Amino acid sequence: LSVALMVYPWKKLIWTARMVKKAFRPLDKADGTIQAIVHLARTYRQGWDIRHLERQGENLPPGLLKTGVELIAYQWDRGKMKEFLGQEAASVQGQYENARMVIRHLSQIALSLGVLGTVVNFIRFLGLSRDLRELAGYAAVAFLSLFYGVLLGKLGLVPLADRLKECMADQKFRLELIQEGILGIQDREHPRAIRFKLETYLAARNAAGAI
């Protein structure tokens, strides 16, 4: 913990812990996201006033979909909207990647400290005592230090980093779905066409994940 605080500000460590906690929360299902997008597309294409779409967007939870609806209500240019949505998605991805890198670094610190404890106690084992009982104690502590380093680093922190990576991949796909859906809404594409396109993306991803 002391080494971690020397490397990172405590606020960043707390933020990383929150990202890890967020990674274990169930994500919104892609089917639900598609249904929400299709509903908004149907509302916008049927000729409702753009303010009605904006009011529907106010009921959405904070996130990229709500931001996209607001941009449509503000009548942003399509090119600027696509660029902005891409930047917002990249920002979310960057948050997960930064948290993952912190966790990976902390796992390396844990392993290094475990090895350091082993080396220190082996030095004591080899040079500081001739009492067999003391030698056995130093050897036990040496291996115990390595055990705790591996336990915390490889079996504790590395799985957390892998969990963040998996969550990051799921978020990336969901954000790509939302970007495609928002651009389709702005172009006033038929809701069935938007549904077909997004469900095709989802089916392709599920098929790839099953391989």
N, C-alpha and C. Protein backbone atom coordinates (compact mmCIF):
# COMPACT_ATOMS: atom_id res chain seq x y z
N LEU A 1 0.83 -1.20 0.00
CA LEU A 1 0.00 0.00 0.00
C LEU A 1 0.87 1.26 0.00
N SER A 2 1.97 1.22 0.75
CA SER A 2 2.86 2.39 0.79
C SER A 2 3.49 2.64 -0.57
N VAL A 3 3.94 1.57 -1.23
CA VAL A 3 4.53 1.73 -2.56
C VAL A 3 3.49 2.24 -3.55
N ALA A 4 2.27 1.73 -3.47
CA ALA A 4 1.20 2.19 -4.36
C ALA A 4 0.92 3.67 -4.17
N LEU A 5 0.94 4.12 -2.92
CA LEU A 5 0.69 5.54 -2.64
C LEU A 5 1.86 6.41 -3.09
N MET A 6 3.06 5.84 -3.15
CA MET A 6 4.19 6.60 -3.69
C MET A 6 4.09 6.73 -5.21
N VAL A 7 3.50 5.74 -5.85
CA VAL A 7 3.39 5.75 -7.31
C VAL A 7 2.17 6.53 -7.78
N TYR A 8 1.03 6.33 -7.11
CA TYR A 8 -0.22 6.95 -7.54
C TYR A 8 -0.81 7.80 -6.42
N PRO A 9 -1.49 8.90 -6.78
CA PRO A 9 -2.24 9.66 -5.76
C PRO A 9 -3.37 8.79 -5.20
N TRP A 10 -3.70 9.03 -3.95
CA TRP A 10 -4.75 8.20 -3.33
C TRP A 10 -6.08 8.36 -4.03
N LYS A 11 -6.33 9.54 -4.61
CA LYS A 11 -7.59 9.74 -5.34
C LYS A 11 -7.69 8.80 -6.54
N LYS A 12 -6.53 8.58 -7.22
CA LYS A 12 -6.55 7.69 -8.38
C LYS A 12 -6.76 6.25 -7.95
N LEU A 13 -6.23 5.86 -6.79
CA LEU A 13 -6.44 4.51 -6.29
C LEU A 13 -7.92 4.30 -5.92
N ILE A 14 -8.53 5.32 -5.32
CA ILE A 14 -9.96 5.22 -5.00
C ILE A 14 -10.78 5.15 -6.28
N TRP A 15 -10.41 5.96 -7.27
CA TRP A 15 -11.11 5.94 -8.56
C TRP A 15 -10.97 4.58 -9.23
N THR A 16 -9.78 3.97 -9.14
CA THR A 16 -9.57 2.65 -9.71
C THR A 16 -10.44 1.61 -9.01
N ALA A 17 -10.56 1.72 -7.69
CA ALA A 17 -11.41 0.79 -6.94
C ALA A 17 -12.87 0.94 -7.39
N ARG A 18 -13.30 2.15 -7.66
CA ARG A 18 -14.67 2.36 -8.13
C ARG A 18 -14.87 1.75 -9.52
N MET A 19 -13.86 1.86 -10.38
CA MET A 19 -13.97 1.26 -11.71
C MET A 19 -14.05 -0.26 -11.62
N VAL A 20 -13.27 -0.84 -10.69
CA VAL A 20 -13.33 -2.29 -10.49
C VAL A 20 -14.72 -2.70 -10.00
N LYS A 21 -15.26 -1.93 -9.06
CA LYS A 21 -16.61 -2.21 -8.56
C LYS A 21 -17.63 -2.10 -9.69
N LYS A 22 -17.46 -1.10 -10.54
CA LYS A 22 -18.36 -0.91 -11.67
C LYS A 22 -18.28 -2.07 -12.65
N ALA A 23 -17.09 -2.66 -12.77
CA ALA A 23 -16.91 -3.77 -13.71
C ALA A 23 -17.68 -5.01 -13.29
N PHE A 24 -18.02 -5.11 -12.01
CA PHE A 24 -18.76 -6.27 -11.52
C PHE A 24 -20.27 -6.05 -11.52
N ARG A 25 -20.69 -4.84 -11.89
CA ARG A 25 -22.13 -4.60 -12.00
C ARG A 25 -22.63 -5.12 -13.33
N PRO A 26 -23.86 -5.65 -13.36
CA PRO A 26 -24.38 -6.14 -14.64
C PRO A 26 -24.61 -4.99 -15.62
N LEU A 27 -24.11 -5.17 -16.85
CA LEU A 27 -24.30 -4.15 -17.88
C LEU A 27 -25.71 -4.24 -18.46
N ASP A 28 -26.14 -3.12 -19.04
CA ASP A 28 -27.41 -3.15 -19.75
C ASP A 28 -27.32 -4.13 -20.91
N LYS A 29 -28.34 -4.95 -21.06
CA LYS A 29 -28.33 -5.92 -22.14
C LYS A 29 -28.42 -5.22 -23.49
N ALA A 30 -27.71 -5.80 -24.47
CA ALA A 30 -27.69 -5.20 -25.81
C ALA A 30 -29.10 -5.16 -26.41
N ASP A 31 -29.90 -6.19 -26.12
CA ASP A 31 -31.27 -6.21 -26.65
C ASP A 31 -32.07 -5.02 -26.14
N GLY A 32 -31.90 -4.69 -24.86
CA GLY A 32 -32.60 -3.53 -24.31
C GLY A 32 -32.14 -2.24 -24.93
N THR A 33 -30.85 -2.12 -25.20
CA THR A 33 -30.31 -0.93 -25.86
C THR A 33 -30.88 -0.79 -27.26
N ILE A 34 -30.95 -1.90 -27.99
CA ILE A 34 -31.50 -1.86 -29.34
C ILE A 34 -32.97 -1.45 -29.31
N GLN A 35 -33.73 -1.98 -28.38
CA GLN A 35 -35.15 -1.62 -28.28
C GLN A 35 -35.32 -0.13 -27.99
N ALA A 36 -34.48 0.41 -27.10
CA ALA A 36 -34.57 1.84 -26.79
C ALA A 36 -34.25 2.68 -28.02
N ILE A 37 -33.24 2.29 -28.78
CA ILE A 37 -32.87 3.03 -29.99
C ILE A 37 -33.98 2.98 -31.02
N VAL A 38 -34.55 1.80 -31.22
CA VAL A 38 -35.63 1.65 -32.21
C VAL A 38 -36.85 2.47 -31.80
N HIS A 39 -37.16 2.51 -30.51
CA HIS A 39 -38.29 3.32 -30.04
C HIS A 39 -38.05 4.80 -30.32
N LEU A 40 -36.84 5.27 -30.07
CA LEU A 40 -36.53 6.67 -30.35
C LEU A 40 -36.59 6.95 -31.85
N ALA A 41 -36.10 5.99 -32.65
CA ALA A 41 -36.13 6.17 -34.11
C ALA A 41 -37.56 6.23 -34.62
N ARG A 42 -38.43 5.39 -34.06
CA ARG A 42 -39.83 5.39 -34.49
C ARG A 42 -40.51 6.72 -34.13
N THR A 43 -40.21 7.22 -32.95
CA THR A 43 -40.78 8.49 -32.53
C THR A 43 -40.33 9.63 -33.42
N TYR A 44 -39.04 9.67 -33.74
CA TYR A 44 -38.48 10.77 -34.52
C TYR A 44 -38.93 10.70 -35.98
N ARG A 45 -39.08 9.49 -36.52
CA ARG A 45 -39.41 9.36 -37.94
C ARG A 45 -40.90 9.58 -38.21
N GLN A 46 -41.72 9.40 -37.19
CA GLN A 46 -43.16 9.55 -37.40
C GLN A 46 -43.60 11.00 -37.47
N GLY A 47 -42.63 11.92 -37.41
CA GLY A 47 -42.97 13.32 -37.61
C GLY A 47 -43.22 14.11 -36.36
N TRP A 48 -42.88 13.51 -35.19
CA TRP A 48 -43.04 14.26 -33.95
C TRP A 48 -42.11 15.46 -33.94
N ASP A 49 -42.50 16.47 -33.18
CA ASP A 49 -41.62 17.61 -33.01
C ASP A 49 -40.32 17.17 -32.34
N ILE A 50 -39.21 17.79 -32.73
CA ILE A 50 -37.90 17.39 -32.21
C ILE A 50 -37.84 17.56 -30.70
N ARG A 51 -38.65 18.48 -30.16
CA ARG A 51 -38.68 18.67 -28.71
C ARG A 51 -39.28 17.47 -27.99
N HIS A 52 -40.16 16.74 -28.69
CA HIS A 52 -40.72 15.52 -28.10
C HIS A 52 -39.62 14.47 -27.95
N LEU A 53 -38.76 14.38 -28.96
CA LEU A 53 -37.62 13.47 -28.86
C LEU A 53 -36.70 13.90 -27.72
N GLU A 54 -36.51 15.20 -27.57
CA GLU A 54 -35.66 15.70 -26.49
C GLU A 54 -36.25 15.34 -25.13
N ARG A 55 -37.58 15.45 -24.99
CA ARG A 55 -38.21 15.11 -23.72
C ARG A 55 -38.06 13.62 -23.42
N GLN A 56 -38.13 12.80 -24.45
CA GLN A 56 -37.91 11.37 -24.24
C GLN A 56 -36.47 11.10 -23.82
N GLY A 57 -35.54 11.87 -24.38
CA GLY A 57 -34.14 11.71 -24.01
C GLY A 57 -33.88 12.07 -22.56
N GLU A 58 -34.69 12.98 -22.01
CA GLU A 58 -34.51 13.36 -20.60
C GLU A 58 -34.80 12.21 -19.65
N ASN A 59 -35.60 11.23 -20.10
CA ASN A 59 -35.93 10.09 -19.26
C ASN A 59 -34.88 8.98 -19.33
N LEU A 60 -33.90 9.13 -20.23
CA LEU A 60 -32.86 8.12 -20.38
C LEU A 60 -31.81 8.28 -19.27
N PRO A 61 -31.16 7.19 -18.87
CA PRO A 61 -30.07 7.31 -17.88
C PRO A 61 -28.87 8.00 -18.50
N PRO A 62 -28.04 8.64 -17.69
CA PRO A 62 -26.85 9.31 -18.23
C PRO A 62 -25.97 8.34 -19.02
N GLY A 63 -25.49 8.80 -20.13
CA GLY A 63 -24.65 7.94 -20.97
C GLY A 63 -24.63 8.44 -22.39
N LEU A 64 -24.04 7.63 -23.27
CA LEU A 64 -23.86 8.04 -24.66
C LEU A 64 -25.18 8.16 -25.40
N LEU A 65 -26.14 7.29 -25.10
CA LEU A 65 -27.43 7.36 -25.79
C LEU A 65 -28.14 8.67 -25.48
N LYS A 66 -28.16 9.06 -24.24
CA LYS A 66 -28.78 10.32 -23.84
C LYS A 66 -28.06 11.50 -24.49
N THR A 67 -26.73 11.44 -24.51
CA THR A 67 -25.95 12.51 -25.15
C THR A 67 -26.27 12.61 -26.63
N GLY A 68 -26.38 11.46 -27.30
CA GLY A 68 -26.70 11.46 -28.72
C GLY A 68 -28.05 12.07 -29.02
N VAL A 69 -29.05 11.75 -28.19
CA VAL A 69 -30.39 12.33 -28.38
C VAL A 69 -30.34 13.85 -28.18
N GLU A 70 -29.57 14.30 -27.22
CA GLU A 70 -29.44 15.74 -26.99
C GLU A 70 -28.78 16.42 -28.19
N LEU A 71 -27.79 15.77 -28.79
CA LEU A 71 -27.13 16.35 -29.95
C LEU A 71 -28.08 16.45 -31.14
N ILE A 72 -28.95 15.43 -31.29
CA ILE A 72 -29.96 15.50 -32.36
C ILE A 72 -30.91 16.66 -32.09
N ALA A 73 -31.31 16.84 -30.83
CA ALA A 73 -32.22 17.93 -30.47
C ALA A 73 -31.56 19.29 -30.72
N TYR A 74 -30.24 19.35 -30.54
CA TYR A 74 -29.52 20.60 -30.78
C TYR A 74 -29.19 20.79 -32.26
N GLN A 75 -29.60 19.79 -33.09
CA GLN A 75 -29.44 19.86 -34.55
C GLN A 75 -27.97 20.01 -34.94
N TRP A 76 -27.16 19.16 -34.37
CA TRP A 76 -25.75 19.14 -34.72
C TRP A 76 -25.57 18.57 -36.13
N ASP A 77 -24.50 19.01 -36.78
CA ASP A 77 -24.12 18.44 -38.07
C ASP A 77 -23.72 16.98 -37.88
N ARG A 78 -24.04 16.12 -38.88
CA ARG A 78 -23.80 14.70 -38.75
C ARG A 78 -22.32 14.38 -38.55
N GLY A 79 -21.46 15.06 -39.31
CA GLY A 79 -20.04 14.81 -39.19
C GLY A 79 -19.50 15.16 -37.81
N LYS A 80 -19.93 16.31 -37.28
CA LYS A 80 -19.48 16.72 -35.96
C LYS A 80 -20.04 15.80 -34.89
N MET A 81 -21.29 15.36 -35.09
CA MET A 81 -21.89 14.46 -34.12
C MET A 81 -21.15 13.13 -34.08
N LYS A 82 -20.81 12.59 -35.25
CA LYS A 82 -20.08 11.33 -35.30
C LYS A 82 -18.73 11.45 -34.61
N GLU A 83 -18.05 12.57 -34.84
CA GLU A 83 -16.75 12.79 -34.21
C GLU A 83 -16.88 12.90 -32.69
N PHE A 84 -17.90 13.64 -32.24
CA PHE A 84 -18.09 13.84 -30.81
C PHE A 84 -18.44 12.54 -30.12
N LEU A 85 -19.35 11.75 -30.71
CA LEU A 85 -19.72 10.47 -30.11
C LEU A 85 -18.52 9.53 -30.05
N GLY A 86 -17.68 9.58 -31.08
CA GLY A 86 -16.47 8.75 -31.06
C GLY A 86 -15.53 9.16 -29.94
N GLN A 87 -15.41 10.46 -29.71
CA GLN A 87 -14.55 10.94 -28.62
C GLN A 87 -15.10 10.53 -27.26
N GLU A 88 -16.43 10.62 -27.10
CA GLU A 88 -17.03 10.22 -25.83
C GLU A 88 -16.83 8.72 -25.58
N ALA A 89 -17.00 7.91 -26.63
CA ALA A 89 -16.80 6.47 -26.49
C ALA A 89 -15.34 6.16 -26.15
N ALA A 90 -14.42 6.87 -26.81
CA ALA A 90 -13.00 6.66 -26.52
C ALA A 90 -12.65 7.06 -25.09
N SER A 91 -13.33 8.08 -24.58
CA SER A 91 -13.09 8.51 -23.20
C SER A 91 -13.50 7.43 -22.21
N VAL A 92 -14.65 6.80 -22.46
CA VAL A 92 -15.10 5.72 -21.59
C VAL A 92 -14.13 4.55 -21.65
N GLN A 93 -13.69 4.21 -22.87
CA GLN A 93 -12.73 3.13 -23.03
C GLN A 93 -11.42 3.45 -22.30
N GLY A 94 -11.01 4.73 -22.38
CA GLY A 94 -9.77 5.13 -21.72
C GLY A 94 -9.84 4.99 -20.22
N GLN A 95 -11.01 5.23 -19.64
CA GLN A 95 -11.15 5.09 -18.19
C GLN A 95 -10.92 3.64 -17.76
N TYR A 96 -11.51 2.71 -18.50
CA TYR A 96 -11.31 1.30 -18.17
C TYR A 96 -9.86 0.88 -18.38
N GLU A 97 -9.24 1.37 -19.47
CA GLU A 97 -7.86 1.00 -19.75
C GLU A 97 -6.91 1.55 -18.69
N ASN A 98 -7.14 2.79 -18.25
CA ASN A 98 -6.29 3.37 -17.21
C ASN A 98 -6.40 2.59 -15.90
N ALA A 99 -7.63 2.22 -15.53
CA ALA A 99 -7.82 1.43 -14.32
C ALA A 99 -7.15 0.07 -14.45
N ARG A 100 -7.23 -0.53 -15.62
CA ARG A 100 -6.60 -1.83 -15.84
C ARG A 100 -5.09 -1.74 -15.71
N MET A 101 -4.49 -0.67 -16.24
CA MET A 101 -3.05 -0.50 -16.15
C MET A 101 -2.60 -0.30 -14.70
N VAL A 102 -3.40 0.42 -13.92
CA VAL A 102 -3.08 0.60 -12.50
C VAL A 102 -3.08 -0.74 -11.78
N ILE A 103 -4.10 -1.56 -12.03
CA ILE A 103 -4.20 -2.87 -11.39
C ILE A 103 -3.02 -3.76 -11.81
N ARG A 104 -2.67 -3.74 -13.10
CA ARG A 104 -1.54 -4.54 -13.56
C ARG A 104 -0.25 -4.10 -12.89
N HIS A 105 -0.08 -2.79 -12.75
CA HIS A 105 1.13 -2.27 -12.11
C HIS A 105 1.18 -2.69 -10.64
N LEU A 106 0.04 -2.62 -9.96
CA LEU A 106 0.00 -3.04 -8.56
C LEU A 106 0.30 -4.53 -8.41
N SER A 107 -0.11 -5.33 -9.38
CA SER A 107 0.20 -6.76 -9.31
C SER A 107 1.70 -6.99 -9.45
N GLN A 108 2.36 -6.21 -10.30
CA GLN A 108 3.81 -6.32 -10.42
C GLN A 108 4.51 -5.88 -9.14
N ILE A 109 3.99 -4.84 -8.50
CA ILE A 109 4.55 -4.40 -7.22
C ILE A 109 4.43 -5.51 -6.17
N ALA A 110 3.26 -6.16 -6.12
CA ALA A 110 3.06 -7.23 -5.14
C ALA A 110 4.04 -8.37 -5.37
N LEU A 111 4.23 -8.75 -6.64
CA LEU A 111 5.18 -9.83 -6.94
C LEU A 111 6.60 -9.43 -6.57
N SER A 112 6.96 -8.18 -6.87
CA SER A 112 8.31 -7.70 -6.55
C SER A 112 8.56 -7.71 -5.05
N LEU A 113 7.58 -7.28 -4.28
CA LEU A 113 7.74 -7.28 -2.82
C LEU A 113 7.82 -8.70 -2.27
N GLY A 114 7.08 -9.62 -2.88
CA GLY A 114 7.17 -11.02 -2.45
C GLY A 114 8.55 -11.59 -2.70
N VAL A 115 9.11 -11.30 -3.88
CA VAL A 115 10.46 -11.76 -4.20
C VAL A 115 11.48 -11.08 -3.28
N LEU A 116 11.28 -9.79 -3.00
CA LEU A 116 12.19 -9.07 -2.11
C LEU A 116 12.20 -9.69 -0.71
N GLY A 117 11.01 -10.01 -0.19
CA GLY A 117 10.94 -10.66 1.11
C GLY A 117 11.65 -12.00 1.11
N THR A 118 11.54 -12.74 0.01
CA THR A 118 12.22 -14.03 -0.10
C THR A 118 13.74 -13.85 -0.08
N VAL A 119 14.23 -12.89 -0.86
CA VAL A 119 15.68 -12.65 -0.94
C VAL A 119 16.23 -12.23 0.42
N VAL A 120 15.54 -11.30 1.09
CA VAL A 120 16.02 -10.81 2.39
C VAL A 120 16.10 -11.95 3.40
N ASN A 121 15.09 -12.79 3.43
CA ASN A 121 15.10 -13.87 4.42
C ASN A 121 16.08 -14.99 4.06
N PHE A 122 16.36 -15.18 2.79
CA PHE A 122 17.39 -16.14 2.42
C PHE A 122 18.78 -15.62 2.78
N ILE A 123 18.98 -14.29 2.69
CA ILE A 123 20.25 -13.72 3.15
C ILE A 123 20.43 -14.00 4.64
N ARG A 124 19.41 -13.80 5.40
CA ARG A 124 19.47 -14.10 6.84
C ARG A 124 19.66 -15.59 7.06
N PHE A 125 19.01 -16.38 6.21
CA PHE A 125 19.11 -17.84 6.30
C PHE A 125 20.55 -18.31 6.08
N LEU A 126 21.25 -17.68 5.15
CA LEU A 126 22.59 -18.14 4.78
C LEU A 126 23.70 -17.57 5.65
N GLY A 127 23.49 -16.36 6.20
CA GLY A 127 24.64 -15.73 6.83
C GLY A 127 24.52 -15.29 8.26
N LEU A 128 23.32 -15.30 8.83
CA LEU A 128 23.18 -14.66 10.13
C LEU A 128 22.94 -15.62 11.28
N SER A 129 22.83 -16.88 11.01
CA SER A 129 22.54 -17.79 12.13
C SER A 129 23.01 -19.21 11.80
N ARG A 130 23.37 -19.93 12.86
CA ARG A 130 23.73 -21.33 12.71
C ARG A 130 22.74 -22.23 13.46
N ASP A 131 21.78 -21.62 14.11
CA ASP A 131 20.76 -22.38 14.83
C ASP A 131 19.78 -22.97 13.82
N LEU A 132 19.64 -24.28 13.84
CA LEU A 132 18.78 -24.94 12.86
C LEU A 132 17.32 -24.47 12.96
N ARG A 133 16.88 -24.20 14.18
CA ARG A 133 15.50 -23.74 14.34
C ARG A 133 15.32 -22.35 13.72
N GLU A 134 16.32 -21.47 13.95
CA GLU A 134 16.24 -20.14 13.34
C GLU A 134 16.32 -20.24 11.82
N LEU A 135 17.18 -21.11 11.33
CA LEU A 135 17.29 -21.29 9.88
C LEU A 135 15.97 -21.74 9.28
N ALA A 136 15.32 -22.68 9.96
CA ALA A 136 14.02 -23.16 9.47
C ALA A 136 12.99 -22.03 9.48
N GLY A 137 13.05 -21.18 10.51
CA GLY A 137 12.12 -20.05 10.57
C GLY A 137 12.35 -19.06 9.44
N TYR A 138 13.63 -18.74 9.14
CA TYR A 138 13.93 -17.81 8.04
C TYR A 138 13.48 -18.40 6.70
N ALA A 139 13.71 -19.71 6.53
CA ALA A 139 13.30 -20.35 5.27
C ALA A 139 11.78 -20.32 5.12
N ALA A 140 11.06 -20.55 6.22
CA ALA A 140 9.60 -20.53 6.16
C ALA A 140 9.08 -19.14 5.80
N VAL A 141 9.67 -18.10 6.42
CA VAL A 141 9.25 -16.73 6.12
C VAL A 141 9.59 -16.36 4.68
N ALA A 142 10.74 -16.85 4.19
CA ALA A 142 11.14 -16.56 2.81
C ALA A 142 10.10 -17.09 1.83
N PHE A 143 9.71 -18.35 2.01
CA PHE A 143 8.72 -18.93 1.10
C PHE A 143 7.33 -18.33 1.32
N LEU A 144 7.04 -17.94 2.56
CA LEU A 144 5.75 -17.32 2.83
C LEU A 144 5.64 -15.96 2.16
N SER A 145 6.73 -15.20 2.11
CA SER A 145 6.74 -13.91 1.42
C SER A 145 6.43 -14.10 -0.07
N LEU A 146 7.09 -15.09 -0.67
CA LEU A 146 6.83 -15.37 -2.08
C LEU A 146 5.39 -15.82 -2.30
N PHE A 147 4.88 -16.62 -1.37
CA PHE A 147 3.50 -17.10 -1.47
C PHE A 147 2.51 -15.93 -1.46
N TYR A 148 2.69 -15.00 -0.52
CA TYR A 148 1.78 -13.87 -0.45
C TYR A 148 1.91 -12.97 -1.67
N GLY A 149 3.13 -12.81 -2.19
CA GLY A 149 3.31 -12.01 -3.40
C GLY A 149 2.57 -12.59 -4.59
N VAL A 150 2.70 -13.92 -4.77
CA VAL A 150 1.99 -14.59 -5.87
C VAL A 150 0.49 -14.57 -5.64
N LEU A 151 0.08 -14.80 -4.37
CA LEU A 151 -1.35 -14.82 -4.06
C LEU A 151 -2.01 -13.48 -4.38
N LEU A 152 -1.37 -12.39 -3.94
CA LEU A 152 -1.96 -11.07 -4.16
C LEU A 152 -1.80 -10.63 -5.61
N GLY A 153 -0.61 -10.88 -6.18
CA GLY A 153 -0.34 -10.39 -7.53
C GLY A 153 -1.05 -11.19 -8.61
N LYS A 154 -0.78 -12.52 -8.65
CA LYS A 154 -1.29 -13.35 -9.74
C LYS A 154 -2.72 -13.84 -9.53
N LEU A 155 -3.07 -14.15 -8.29
CA LEU A 155 -4.39 -14.70 -8.04
C LEU A 155 -5.39 -13.66 -7.55
N GLY A 156 -4.92 -12.46 -7.23
CA GLY A 156 -5.82 -11.41 -6.77
C GLY A 156 -5.98 -10.27 -7.76
N LEU A 157 -4.89 -9.62 -8.08
CA LEU A 157 -4.96 -8.40 -8.90
C LEU A 157 -5.05 -8.69 -10.40
N VAL A 158 -4.32 -9.70 -10.88
CA VAL A 158 -4.37 -10.00 -12.32
C VAL A 158 -5.78 -10.38 -12.77
N PRO A 159 -6.53 -11.24 -12.03
CA PRO A 159 -7.92 -11.50 -12.44
C PRO A 159 -8.79 -10.23 -12.47
N LEU A 160 -8.52 -9.29 -11.56
CA LEU A 160 -9.27 -8.03 -11.59
C LEU A 160 -8.97 -7.26 -12.87
N ALA A 161 -7.70 -7.25 -13.27
CA ALA A 161 -7.33 -6.57 -14.52
C ALA A 161 -7.99 -7.25 -15.72
N ASP A 162 -8.04 -8.58 -15.71
CA ASP A 162 -8.70 -9.30 -16.80
C ASP A 162 -10.20 -9.02 -16.81
N ARG A 163 -10.79 -8.87 -15.64
CA ARG A 163 -12.22 -8.54 -15.56
C ARG A 163 -12.48 -7.16 -16.17
N LEU A 164 -11.60 -6.21 -15.88
CA LEU A 164 -11.74 -4.88 -16.47
C LEU A 164 -11.60 -4.93 -17.98
N LYS A 165 -10.70 -5.76 -18.47
CA LYS A 165 -10.51 -5.90 -19.92
C LYS A 165 -11.76 -6.46 -20.58
N GLU A 166 -12.37 -7.46 -19.94
CA GLU A 166 -13.60 -8.06 -20.48
C GLU A 166 -14.74 -7.04 -20.48
N CYS A 167 -14.86 -6.31 -19.38
CA CYS A 167 -15.89 -5.28 -19.29
C CYS A 167 -15.66 -4.19 -20.33
N MET A 168 -14.39 -3.86 -20.57
CA MET A 168 -14.06 -2.85 -21.55
C MET A 168 -14.50 -3.28 -22.95
N ALA A 169 -14.32 -4.56 -23.28
CA ALA A 169 -14.74 -5.07 -24.58
C ALA A 169 -16.26 -5.01 -24.73
N ASP A 170 -16.99 -5.37 -23.65
CA ASP A 170 -18.45 -5.30 -23.70
C ASP A 170 -18.93 -3.86 -23.86
N GLN A 171 -18.29 -2.94 -23.14
CA GLN A 171 -18.66 -1.53 -23.25
C GLN A 171 -18.37 -0.99 -24.65
N LYS A 172 -17.25 -1.40 -25.22
CA LYS A 172 -16.89 -0.94 -26.56
C LYS A 172 -17.96 -1.34 -27.57
N PHE A 173 -18.42 -2.59 -27.49
CA PHE A 173 -19.45 -3.05 -28.42
C PHE A 173 -20.75 -2.29 -28.21
N ARG A 174 -21.13 -2.10 -26.96
CA ARG A 174 -22.38 -1.40 -26.66
C ARG A 174 -22.31 0.05 -27.16
N LEU A 175 -21.18 0.70 -26.98
CA LEU A 175 -21.03 2.08 -27.43
C LEU A 175 -21.06 2.17 -28.95
N GLU A 176 -20.51 1.16 -29.63
CA GLU A 176 -20.58 1.13 -31.09
C GLU A 176 -22.02 0.98 -31.56
N LEU A 177 -22.79 0.14 -30.87
CA LEU A 177 -24.21 0.00 -31.20
C LEU A 177 -24.94 1.34 -31.06
N ILE A 178 -24.66 2.04 -29.97
CA ILE A 178 -25.33 3.31 -29.72
C ILE A 178 -24.95 4.33 -30.77
N GLN A 179 -23.68 4.39 -31.14
CA GLN A 179 -23.25 5.35 -32.17
C GLN A 179 -23.97 5.09 -33.49
N GLU A 180 -24.02 3.82 -33.91
CA GLU A 180 -24.72 3.49 -35.15
C GLU A 180 -26.20 3.84 -35.05
N GLY A 181 -26.80 3.55 -33.90
CA GLY A 181 -28.22 3.83 -33.73
C GLY A 181 -28.52 5.32 -33.76
N ILE A 182 -27.70 6.11 -33.09
CA ILE A 182 -27.92 7.57 -33.05
C ILE A 182 -27.79 8.16 -34.45
N LEU A 183 -26.79 7.74 -35.19
CA LEU A 183 -26.62 8.27 -36.55
C LEU A 183 -27.79 7.84 -37.44
N GLY A 184 -28.30 6.61 -37.21
CA GLY A 184 -29.46 6.17 -37.97
C GLY A 184 -30.70 6.99 -37.64
N ILE A 185 -30.86 7.34 -36.35
CA ILE A 185 -32.00 8.18 -35.95
C ILE A 185 -31.91 9.55 -36.61
N GLN A 186 -30.71 10.13 -36.60
CA GLN A 186 -30.56 11.45 -37.19
C GLN A 186 -30.84 11.43 -38.69
N ASP A 187 -30.45 10.33 -39.35
CA ASP A 187 -30.70 10.21 -40.79
C ASP A 187 -32.14 9.83 -41.10
N ARG A 188 -32.96 9.67 -40.06
CA ARG A 188 -34.36 9.27 -40.20
C ARG A 188 -34.51 7.95 -40.95
N GLU A 189 -33.61 7.02 -40.67
CA GLU A 189 -33.74 5.69 -41.25
C GLU A 189 -34.98 5.00 -40.67
N HIS A 190 -35.50 4.05 -41.43
CA HIS A 190 -36.68 3.33 -40.95
C HIS A 190 -36.31 2.53 -39.70
N PRO A 191 -37.17 2.55 -38.67
CA PRO A 191 -36.85 1.82 -37.44
C PRO A 191 -36.55 0.35 -37.66
N ARG A 192 -37.25 -0.28 -38.61
CA ARG A 192 -36.98 -1.69 -38.88
C ARG A 192 -35.59 -1.88 -39.46
N ALA A 193 -35.17 -0.93 -40.30
CA ALA A 193 -33.82 -1.02 -40.87
C ALA A 193 -32.76 -0.86 -39.78
N ILE A 194 -33.00 0.04 -38.84
CA ILE A 194 -32.06 0.23 -37.73
C ILE A 194 -32.01 -1.03 -36.87
N ARG A 195 -33.19 -1.60 -36.57
CA ARG A 195 -33.23 -2.81 -35.76
C ARG A 195 -32.48 -3.94 -36.45
N PHE A 196 -32.72 -4.11 -37.76
CA PHE A 196 -32.06 -5.19 -38.50
C PHE A 196 -30.54 -5.00 -38.48
N LYS A 197 -30.09 -3.77 -38.69
CA LYS A 197 -28.66 -3.50 -38.72
C LYS A 197 -28.02 -3.79 -37.36
N LEU A 198 -28.64 -3.32 -36.29
CA LEU A 198 -28.06 -3.50 -34.96
C LEU A 198 -28.13 -4.96 -34.51
N GLU A 199 -29.23 -5.63 -34.82
CA GLU A 199 -29.33 -7.03 -34.45
C GLU A 199 -28.35 -7.89 -35.25
N THR A 200 -28.03 -7.47 -36.47
CA THR A 200 -27.01 -8.17 -37.25
C THR A 200 -25.64 -8.04 -36.59
N TYR A 201 -25.32 -6.84 -36.11
CA TYR A 201 -24.07 -6.64 -35.37
C TYR A 201 -24.03 -7.53 -34.13
N LEU A 202 -25.15 -7.58 -33.42
CA LEU A 202 -25.21 -8.36 -32.18
C LEU A 202 -25.04 -9.85 -32.47
N ALA A 203 -25.72 -10.34 -33.53
CA ALA A 203 -25.62 -11.75 -33.87
C ALA A 203 -24.19 -12.11 -34.29
N ALA A 204 -23.54 -11.21 -35.04
CA ALA A 204 -22.16 -11.46 -35.47
C ALA A 204 -21.22 -11.52 -34.27
N ARG A 205 -21.44 -10.65 -33.29
CA ARG A 205 -20.59 -10.66 -32.10
C ARG A 205 -20.82 -11.92 -31.27
N ASN A 206 -22.08 -12.31 -31.12
CA ASN A 206 -22.38 -13.53 -30.36
C ASN A 206 -21.79 -14.76 -31.04
N ALA A 207 -21.83 -14.77 -32.37
CA ALA A 207 -21.26 -15.90 -33.10
C ALA A 207 -19.74 -15.94 -32.93
N ALA A 208 -19.12 -14.76 -32.96
CA ALA A 208 -17.68 -14.69 -32.76
C ALA A 208 -17.27 -15.12 -31.36
N GLY A 209 -18.11 -14.77 -30.36
CA GLY A 209 -17.81 -15.15 -29.00
C GLY A 209 -18.00 -16.64 -28.74
N ALA A 210 -18.83 -17.27 -29.56
CA ALA A 210 -19.09 -18.71 -29.38
C ALA A 210 -18.00 -19.57 -29.98
N ILE A 211 -17.16 -18.98 -30.85
CA ILE A 211 -16.11 -19.77 -31.52
C ILE A 211 -15.00 -20.09 -30.51
